Amino acid sequence: MAGAGPRDGLRRIAIASQAIGFVLIITLETVMGDGARPWQGVTLALMLATAAWLALVRRYRRNRKQRRKREDDD
């Protein structure tokens, strides 16, 4: 399977966080009506922050792997 390894865990976390966020946004609208707007904004902000954090972790891991590979080649 392509892409197997630590990245799969991060990918699962990303998908799960986005799914939970969207379900929460819809649930808030259903339960609270128009009063949900601020909480939906907070939820969206948390979703974006999580996505940004995961992107940084993935970049860090990729760069660390490339650095180790270069050191091994030398």
PDB file of N, CA and C in Angstrom:
ATOM      1  N   MET A   1       0.847  -1.192   0.000  1.00  0.00           N
ATOM      2  CA  MET A   1       0.000   0.000   0.000  1.00  0.00           C
ATOM      3  C   MET A   1       0.881   1.240   0.000  1.00  0.00           C
ATOM      4  N   ALA A   2       0.669   2.152  -0.905  1.00  0.00           N
ATOM      5  CA  ALA A   2       1.471   3.355  -1.014  1.00  0.00           C
ATOM      6  C   ALA A   2       1.203   4.282   0.167  1.00  0.00           C
ATOM      7  N   GLY A   3       2.262   4.918   0.649  1.00  0.00           N
ATOM      8  CA  GLY A   3       2.115   5.883   1.729  1.00  0.00           C
ATOM      9  C   GLY A   3       1.981   5.255   3.105  1.00  0.00           C
ATOM     10  N   ALA A   4       2.335   3.986   3.234  1.00  0.00           N
ATOM     11  CA  ALA A   4       2.234   3.337   4.544  1.00  0.00           C
ATOM     12  C   ALA A   4       3.304   3.908   5.456  1.00  0.00           C
ATOM     13  N   GLY A   5       3.011   3.956   6.731  1.00  0.00           N
ATOM     14  CA  GLY A   5       3.975   4.447   7.703  1.00  0.00           C
ATOM     15  C   GLY A   5       3.358   5.492   8.617  1.00  0.00           C
ATOM     16  N   PRO A   6       4.213   6.299   9.251  1.00  0.00           N
ATOM     17  CA  PRO A   6       3.733   7.271  10.231  1.00  0.00           C
ATOM     18  C   PRO A   6       2.755   8.287   9.642  1.00  0.00           C
ATOM     19  N   ARG A   7       2.892   8.569   8.360  1.00  0.00           N
ATOM     20  CA  ARG A   7       2.002   9.549   7.733  1.00  0.00           C
ATOM     21  C   ARG A   7       0.557   9.083   7.745  1.00  0.00           C
ATOM     22  N   ASP A   8       0.359   7.770   7.703  1.00  0.00           N
ATOM     23  CA  ASP A   8      -1.014   7.262   7.724  1.00  0.00           C
ATOM     24  C   ASP A   8      -1.719   7.661   9.008  1.00  0.00           C
ATOM     25  N   GLY A   9      -1.006   7.644  10.125  1.00  0.00           N
ATOM     26  CA  GLY A   9      -1.587   8.062  11.395  1.00  0.00           C
ATOM     27  C   GLY A   9      -1.999   9.512  11.366  1.00  0.00           C
ATOM     28  N   LEU A  10      -1.154  10.347  10.815  1.00  0.00           N
ATOM     29  CA  LEU A  10      -1.489  11.766  10.708  1.00  0.00           C
ATOM     30  C   LEU A  10      -2.664  11.983   9.761  1.00  0.00           C
ATOM     31  N   ARG A  11      -2.684  11.212   8.696  1.00  0.00           N
ATOM     32  CA  ARG A  11      -3.782  11.335   7.737  1.00  0.00           C
ATOM     33  C   ARG A  11      -5.107  10.946   8.396  1.00  0.00           C
ATOM     34  N   ARG A  12      -5.071   9.874   9.192  1.00  0.00           N
ATOM     35  CA  ARG A  12      -6.289   9.456   9.905  1.00  0.00           C
ATOM     36  C   ARG A  12      -6.746  10.517  10.898  1.00  0.00           C
ATOM     37  N   ILE A  13      -5.804  11.118  11.602  1.00  0.00           N
ATOM     38  CA  ILE A  13      -6.147  12.184  12.548  1.00  0.00           C
ATOM     39  C   ILE A  13      -6.773  13.363  11.800  1.00  0.00           C
ATOM     40  N   ALA A  14      -6.207  13.726  10.661  1.00  0.00           N
ATOM     41  CA  ALA A  14      -6.729  14.848   9.880  1.00  0.00           C
ATOM     42  C   ALA A  14      -8.154  14.578   9.405  1.00  0.00           C
ATOM     43  N   ILE A  15      -8.372  13.397   8.870  1.00  0.00           N
ATOM     44  CA  ILE A  15      -9.706  13.050   8.369  1.00  0.00           C
ATOM     45  C   ILE A  15     -10.709  13.013   9.510  1.00  0.00           C
ATOM     46  N   ALA A  16     -10.324  12.398  10.617  1.00  0.00           N
ATOM     47  CA  ALA A  16     -11.227  12.303  11.767  1.00  0.00           C
ATOM     48  C   ALA A  16     -11.555  13.672  12.332  1.00  0.00           C
ATOM     49  N   SER A  17     -10.559  14.546  12.459  1.00  0.00           N
ATOM     50  CA  SER A  17     -10.820  15.875  13.026  1.00  0.00           C
ATOM     51  C   SER A  17     -11.749  16.685  12.127  1.00  0.00           C
ATOM     52  N   GLN A  18     -11.566  16.574  10.826  1.00  0.00           N
ATOM     53  CA  GLN A  18     -12.439  17.304   9.907  1.00  0.00           C
ATOM     54  C   GLN A  18     -13.863  16.746   9.952  1.00  0.00           C
ATOM     55  N   ALA A  19     -13.987  15.438   9.990  1.00  0.00           N
ATOM     56  CA  ALA A  19     -15.317  14.816  10.057  1.00  0.00           C
ATOM     57  C   ALA A  19     -16.030  15.208  11.345  1.00  0.00           C
ATOM     58  N   ILE A  20     -15.317  15.132  12.464  1.00  0.00           N
ATOM     59  CA  ILE A  20     -15.915  15.515  13.747  1.00  0.00           C
ATOM     60  C   ILE A  20     -16.325  16.984  13.726  1.00  0.00           C
ATOM     61  N   GLY A  21     -15.475  17.826  13.158  1.00  0.00           N
ATOM     62  CA  GLY A  21     -15.783  19.254  13.081  1.00  0.00           C
ATOM     63  C   GLY A  21     -17.040  19.533  12.270  1.00  0.00           C
ATOM     64  N   PHE A  22     -17.157  18.906  11.121  1.00  0.00           N
ATOM     65  CA  PHE A  22     -18.340  19.125  10.287  1.00  0.00           C
ATOM     66  C   PHE A  22     -19.605  18.597  10.954  1.00  0.00           C
ATOM     67  N   VAL A  23     -19.505  17.452  11.594  1.00  0.00           N
ATOM     68  CA  VAL A  23     -20.665  16.918  12.321  1.00  0.00           C
ATOM     69  C   VAL A  23     -21.055  17.872  13.445  1.00  0.00           C
ATOM     70  N   LEU A  24     -20.067  18.393  14.154  1.00  0.00           N
ATOM     71  CA  LEU A  24     -20.340  19.329  15.243  1.00  0.00           C
ATOM     72  C   LEU A  24     -20.995  20.607  14.728  1.00  0.00           C
ATOM     73  N   ILE A  25     -20.513  21.126  13.614  1.00  0.00           N
ATOM     74  CA  ILE A  25     -21.103  22.339  13.034  1.00  0.00           C
ATOM     75  C   ILE A  25     -22.572  22.107  12.680  1.00  0.00           C
ATOM     76  N   ILE A  26     -22.864  20.990  12.051  1.00  0.00           N
ATOM     77  CA  ILE A  26     -24.244  20.677  11.672  1.00  0.00           C
ATOM     78  C   ILE A  26     -25.103  20.453  12.910  1.00  0.00           C
ATOM     79  N   THR A  27     -24.549  19.752  13.905  1.00  0.00           N
ATOM     80  CA  THR A  27     -25.298  19.498  15.134  1.00  0.00           C
ATOM     81  C   THR A  27     -25.603  20.800  15.867  1.00  0.00           C
ATOM     82  N   LEU A  28     -24.626  21.692  15.932  1.00  0.00           N
ATOM     83  CA  LEU A  28     -24.846  22.981  16.588  1.00  0.00           C
ATOM     84  C   LEU A  28     -25.982  23.752  15.913  1.00  0.00           C
ATOM     85  N   GLU A  29     -25.982  23.758  14.592  1.00  0.00           N
ATOM     86  CA  GLU A  29     -27.037  24.450  13.842  1.00  0.00           C
ATOM     87  C   GLU A  29     -28.397  23.832  14.139  1.00  0.00           C
ATOM     88  N   THR A  30     -28.446  22.515  14.190  1.00  0.00           N
ATOM     89  CA  THR A  30     -29.706  21.812  14.439  1.00  0.00           C
ATOM     90  C   THR A  30     -30.224  22.094  15.842  1.00  0.00           C
ATOM     91  N   VAL A  31     -29.345  22.065  16.811  1.00  0.00           N
ATOM     92  CA  VAL A  31     -29.746  22.212  18.208  1.00  0.00           C
ATOM     93  C   VAL A  31     -29.978  23.668  18.598  1.00  0.00           C
ATOM     94  N   MET A  32     -29.083  24.556  18.166  1.00  0.00           N
ATOM     95  CA  MET A  32     -29.114  25.939  18.648  1.00  0.00           C
ATOM     96  C   MET A  32     -29.705  26.938  17.660  1.00  0.00           C
ATOM     97  N   GLY A  33     -29.872  26.555  16.429  1.00  0.00           N
ATOM     98  CA  GLY A  33     -30.368  27.498  15.429  1.00  0.00           C
ATOM     99  C   GLY A  33     -29.355  28.595  15.171  1.00  0.00           C
ATOM    100  N   ASP A  34     -29.822  29.839  15.088  1.00  0.00           N
ATOM    101  CA  ASP A  34     -28.932  30.966  14.785  1.00  0.00           C
ATOM    102  C   ASP A  34     -27.949  31.252  15.918  1.00  0.00           C
ATOM    103  N   GLY A  35     -28.242  30.804  17.123  1.00  0.00           N
ATOM    104  CA  GLY A  35     -27.337  31.008  18.249  1.00  0.00           C
ATOM    105  C   GLY A  35     -26.051  30.205  18.129  1.00  0.00           C
ATOM    106  N   ALA A  36     -26.011  29.317  17.167  1.00  0.00           N
ATOM    107  CA  ALA A  36     -24.835  28.457  16.993  1.00  0.00           C
ATOM    108  C   ALA A  36     -23.714  29.150  16.228  1.00  0.00           C
ATOM    109  N   ARG A  37     -23.995  30.268  15.596  1.00  0.00           N
ATOM    110  CA  ARG A  37     -23.010  30.907  14.712  1.00  0.00           C
ATOM    111  C   ARG A  37     -21.647  31.129  15.370  1.00  0.00           C
ATOM    112  N   PRO A  38     -21.566  31.715  16.558  1.00  0.00           N
ATOM    113  CA  PRO A  38     -20.234  31.913  17.154  1.00  0.00           C
ATOM    114  C   PRO A  38     -19.522  30.589  17.432  1.00  0.00           C
ATOM    115  N   TRP A  39     -20.258  29.592  17.889  1.00  0.00           N
ATOM    116  CA  TRP A  39     -19.652  28.298  18.188  1.00  0.00           C
ATOM    117  C   TRP A  39     -19.226  27.577  16.917  1.00  0.00           C
ATOM    118  N   GLN A  40     -19.960  27.799  15.841  1.00  0.00           N
ATOM    119  CA  GLN A  40     -19.545  27.220  14.564  1.00  0.00           C
ATOM    120  C   GLN A  40     -18.242  27.864  14.101  1.00  0.00           C
ATOM    121  N   GLY A  41     -18.109  29.157  14.337  1.00  0.00           N
ATOM    122  CA  GLY A  41     -16.865  29.849  13.998  1.00  0.00           C
ATOM    123  C   GLY A  41     -15.693  29.319  14.801  1.00  0.00           C
ATOM    124  N   VAL A  42     -15.911  29.083  16.080  1.00  0.00           N
ATOM    125  CA  VAL A  42     -14.862  28.520  16.935  1.00  0.00           C
ATOM    126  C   VAL A  42     -14.491  27.121  16.445  1.00  0.00           C
ATOM    127  N   THR A  43     -15.496  26.335  16.108  1.00  0.00           N
ATOM    128  CA  THR A  43     -15.245  24.978  15.609  1.00  0.00           C
ATOM    129  C   THR A  43     -14.434  25.017  14.321  1.00  0.00           C
ATOM    130  N   LEU A  44     -14.802  25.902  13.411  1.00  0.00           N
ATOM    131  CA  LEU A  44     -14.070  26.030  12.154  1.00  0.00           C
ATOM    132  C   LEU A  44     -12.628  26.467  12.411  1.00  0.00           C
ATOM    133  N   ALA A  45     -12.441  27.413  13.316  1.00  0.00           N
ATOM    134  CA  ALA A  45     -11.086  27.870  13.648  1.00  0.00           C
ATOM    135  C   ALA A  45     -10.251  26.716  14.211  1.00  0.00           C
ATOM    136  N   LEU A  46     -10.855  25.896  15.061  1.00  0.00           N
ATOM    137  CA  LEU A  46     -10.137  24.739  15.610  1.00  0.00           C
ATOM    138  C   LEU A  46      -9.807  23.723  14.525  1.00  0.00           C
ATOM    139  N   MET A  47     -10.719  23.545  13.583  1.00  0.00           N
ATOM    140  CA  MET A  47     -10.465  22.633  12.465  1.00  0.00           C
ATOM    141  C   MET A  47      -9.277  23.127  11.641  1.00  0.00           C
ATOM    142  N   LEU A  48      -9.240  24.425  11.361  1.00  0.00           N
ATOM    143  CA  LEU A  48      -8.139  24.995  10.578  1.00  0.00           C
ATOM    144  C   LEU A  48      -6.817  24.923  11.342  1.00  0.00           C
ATOM    145  N   ALA A  49      -6.873  25.191  12.649  1.00  0.00           N
ATOM    146  CA  ALA A  49      -5.652  25.107  13.465  1.00  0.00           C
ATOM    147  C   ALA A  49      -5.120  23.681  13.492  1.00  0.00           C
ATOM    148  N   THR A  50      -6.008  22.718  13.605  1.00  0.00           N
ATOM    149  CA  THR A  50      -5.595  21.312  13.608  1.00  0.00           C
ATOM    150  C   THR A  50      -4.963  20.942  12.272  1.00  0.00           C
ATOM    151  N   ALA A  51      -5.576  21.377  11.186  1.00  0.00           N
ATOM    152  CA  ALA A  51      -5.031  21.086   9.854  1.00  0.00           C
ATOM    153  C   ALA A  51      -3.648  21.714   9.679  1.00  0.00           C
ATOM    154  N   ALA A  52      -3.480  22.946  10.145  1.00  0.00           N
ATOM    155  CA  ALA A  52      -2.183  23.616  10.033  1.00  0.00           C
ATOM    156  C   ALA A  52      -1.130  22.902  10.877  1.00  0.00           C
ATOM    157  N   TRP A  53      -1.503  22.501  12.088  1.00  0.00           N
ATOM    158  CA  TRP A  53      -0.567  21.797  12.968  1.00  0.00           C
ATOM    159  C   TRP A  53      -0.131  20.474  12.334  1.00  0.00           C
ATOM    160  N   LEU A  54      -1.088  19.738  11.795  1.00  0.00           N
ATOM    161  CA  LEU A  54      -0.764  18.455  11.160  1.00  0.00           C
ATOM    162  C   LEU A  54       0.133  18.652   9.940  1.00  0.00           C
ATOM    163  N   ALA A  55      -0.098  19.714   9.186  1.00  0.00           N
ATOM    164  CA  ALA A  55       0.751  19.999   8.024  1.00  0.00           C
ATOM    165  C   ALA A  55       2.185  20.291   8.472  1.00  0.00           C
ATOM    166  N   LEU A  56       2.338  21.022   9.570  1.00  0.00           N
ATOM    167  CA  LEU A  56       3.675  21.310  10.084  1.00  0.00           C
ATOM    168  C   LEU A  56       4.366  20.040  10.573  1.00  0.00           C
ATOM    169  N   VAL A  57       3.630  19.171  11.242  1.00  0.00           N
ATOM    170  CA  VAL A  57       4.206  17.915  11.721  1.00  0.00           C
ATOM    171  C   VAL A  57       4.642  17.059  10.541  1.00  0.00           C
ATOM    172  N   ARG A  58       3.802  16.977   9.523  1.00  0.00           N
ATOM    173  CA  ARG A  58       4.162  16.185   8.333  1.00  0.00           C
ATOM    174  C   ARG A  58       5.412  16.750   7.668  1.00  0.00           C
ATOM    175  N   ARG A  59       5.506  18.075   7.557  1.00  0.00           N
ATOM    176  CA  ARG A  59       6.686  18.700   6.938  1.00  0.00           C
ATOM    177  C   ARG A  59       7.929  18.420   7.781  1.00  0.00           C
ATOM    178  N   TYR A  60       7.801  18.550   9.095  1.00  0.00           N
ATOM    179  CA  TYR A  60       8.935  18.277   9.987  1.00  0.00           C
ATOM    180  C   TYR A  60       9.418  16.840   9.808  1.00  0.00           C
ATOM    181  N   ARG A  61       8.497  15.890   9.794  1.00  0.00           N
ATOM    182  CA  ARG A  61       8.873  14.485   9.642  1.00  0.00           C
ATOM    183  C   ARG A  61       9.527  14.222   8.288  1.00  0.00           C
ATOM    184  N   ARG A  62       8.971  14.831   7.239  1.00  0.00           N
ATOM    185  CA  ARG A  62       9.542  14.636   5.902  1.00  0.00           C
ATOM    186  C   ARG A  62      10.952  15.199   5.836  1.00  0.00           C
ATOM    187  N   ASN A  63      11.147  16.411   6.391  1.00  0.00           N
ATOM    188  CA  ASN A  63      12.470  17.024   6.365  1.00  0.00           C
ATOM    189  C   ASN A  63      13.472  16.222   7.197  1.00  0.00           C
ATOM    190  N   ARG A  64      13.030  15.707   8.341  1.00  0.00           N
ATOM    191  CA  ARG A  64      13.901  14.907   9.190  1.00  0.00           C
ATOM    192  C   ARG A  64      14.314  13.625   8.460  1.00  0.00           C
ATOM    193  N   LYS A  65      13.375  13.015   7.765  1.00  0.00           N
ATOM    194  CA  LYS A  65      13.673  11.794   7.009  1.00  0.00           C
ATOM    195  C   LYS A  65      14.670  12.085   5.888  1.00  0.00           C
ATOM    196  N   GLN A  66      14.479  13.201   5.171  1.00  0.00           N
ATOM    197  CA  GLN A  66      15.401  13.569   4.099  1.00  0.00           C
ATOM    198  C   GLN A  66      16.790  13.865   4.655  1.00  0.00           C
ATOM    199  N   ARG A  67      16.844  14.531   5.806  1.00  0.00           N
ATOM    200  CA  ARG A  67      18.122  14.853   6.427  1.00  0.00           C
ATOM    201  C   ARG A  67      18.867  13.575   6.817  1.00  0.00           C
ATOM    202  N   ARG A  68      18.148  12.623   7.408  1.00  0.00           N
ATOM    203  CA  ARG A  68      18.771  11.348   7.786  1.00  0.00           C
ATOM    204  C   ARG A  68      19.276  10.602   6.548  1.00  0.00           C
ATOM    205  N   LYS A  69      18.497  10.644   5.479  1.00  0.00           N
ATOM    206  CA  LYS A  69      18.894   9.950   4.255  1.00  0.00           C
ATOM    207  C   LYS A  69      20.165  10.572   3.690  1.00  0.00           C
ATOM    208  N   ARG A  70      20.241  11.893   3.688  1.00  0.00           N
ATOM    209  CA  ARG A  70      21.450  12.578   3.193  1.00  0.00           C
ATOM    210  C   ARG A  70      22.660  12.215   4.048  1.00  0.00           C
ATOM    211  N   GLU A  71      22.457  12.168   5.388  1.00  0.00           N
ATOM    212  CA  GLU A  71      23.560  11.833   6.283  1.00  0.00           C
ATOM    213  C   GLU A  71      24.021  10.385   6.063  1.00  0.00           C
ATOM    214  N   ASP A  72      23.080   9.496   5.814  1.00  0.00           N
ATOM    215  CA  ASP A  72      23.433   8.087   5.555  1.00  0.00           C
ATOM    216  C   ASP A  72      24.173   7.932   4.238  1.00  0.00           C
ATOM    217  N   ASP A  73      23.817   8.771   3.249  1.00  0.00           N
ATOM    218  CA  ASP A  73      24.462   8.696   1.930  1.00  0.00           C
ATOM    219  C   ASP A  73      25.904   9.208   1.989  1.00  0.00           C
ATOM    220  N   ASP A  74      26.171  10.106   2.922  1.00  0.00           N
ATOM    221  CA  ASP A  74      27.528  10.693   3.014  1.00  0.00           C
ATOM    222  C   ASP A  74      28.528   9.780   3.625  1.00  0.00           C
TER     223      ASP A  74
END
